[in-house]
Amino acid sequence: MTEFLNDQSYELEEYDEQLVRKLIERITIHDAKISIEFKSNVEIDIEM
């Protein structure tokens, strides 16, 4: 995933649906956090 992002030749200035679909496998919303699972099997949690 890092390699893919580093290879991008532009800065994102707006939402890119195609990029999101390439990178993200699943987003799960819990009571106190949001979990984002990338297709590279990296998962991050964002506390709310």
Protein backbone atom coordinates (compact mmCIF):
# COMPACT_ATOMS: atom_id res chain seq x y z
CA MET A 1 0.00 0.00 0.00
CA THR A 2 2.80 2.41 0.90
CA GLU A 3 4.48 1.75 -2.44
CA PHE A 4 1.23 2.40 -4.28
CA LEU A 5 0.68 5.69 -2.45
CA ASN A 6 4.25 6.79 -3.03
CA ASP A 7 3.87 6.11 -6.74
CA GLN A 8 0.92 8.50 -7.04
CA SER A 9 1.92 11.58 -8.99
CA TYR A 10 -0.65 13.99 -7.58
CA GLU A 11 -1.95 15.30 -4.31
CA LEU A 12 -5.51 14.46 -3.44
CA GLU A 13 -7.63 17.58 -3.27
CA GLU A 14 -10.99 15.87 -3.29
CA TYR A 15 -12.59 12.50 -2.59
CA ASP A 16 -11.55 9.83 -5.10
CA GLU A 17 -13.99 6.90 -5.15
CA GLN A 18 -11.75 4.71 -7.32
CA LEU A 19 -8.78 5.17 -5.01
CA VAL A 20 -10.88 4.33 -1.95
CA ARG A 21 -12.14 1.15 -3.60
CA LYS A 22 -8.57 0.12 -4.49
CA LEU A 23 -7.25 0.62 -0.97
CA ILE A 24 -10.01 -0.10 1.56
CA GLU A 25 -11.50 -3.51 2.20
CA ARG A 26 -13.91 -2.65 5.02
CA ILE A 27 -14.94 0.16 7.36
CA THR A 28 -16.68 -0.82 10.60
CA ILE A 29 -18.33 1.71 12.89
CA HIS A 30 -18.47 0.79 16.59
CA ASP A 31 -19.87 2.78 19.51
CA ALA A 32 -16.52 4.33 20.46
CA LYS A 33 -14.33 3.87 17.37
CA ILE A 34 -14.15 3.42 13.62
CA SER A 35 -12.08 0.51 12.26
CA ILE A 36 -10.63 0.71 8.78
CA GLU A 37 -9.25 -2.44 7.18
CA PHE A 38 -7.12 -1.94 4.09
CA LYS A 39 -6.74 -4.54 1.36
CA SER A 40 -3.12 -4.89 2.45
CA ASN A 41 -4.43 -6.36 5.75
CA VAL A 42 -3.41 -3.27 7.72
CA GLU A 43 -6.11 -2.20 10.17
CA ILE A 44 -6.36 1.10 12.00
CA ASP A 45 -8.77 2.20 14.71
CA ILE A 46 -9.88 5.79 15.13
CA GLU A 47 -11.25 6.60 18.58
CA MET A 48 -14.32 8.85 18.64
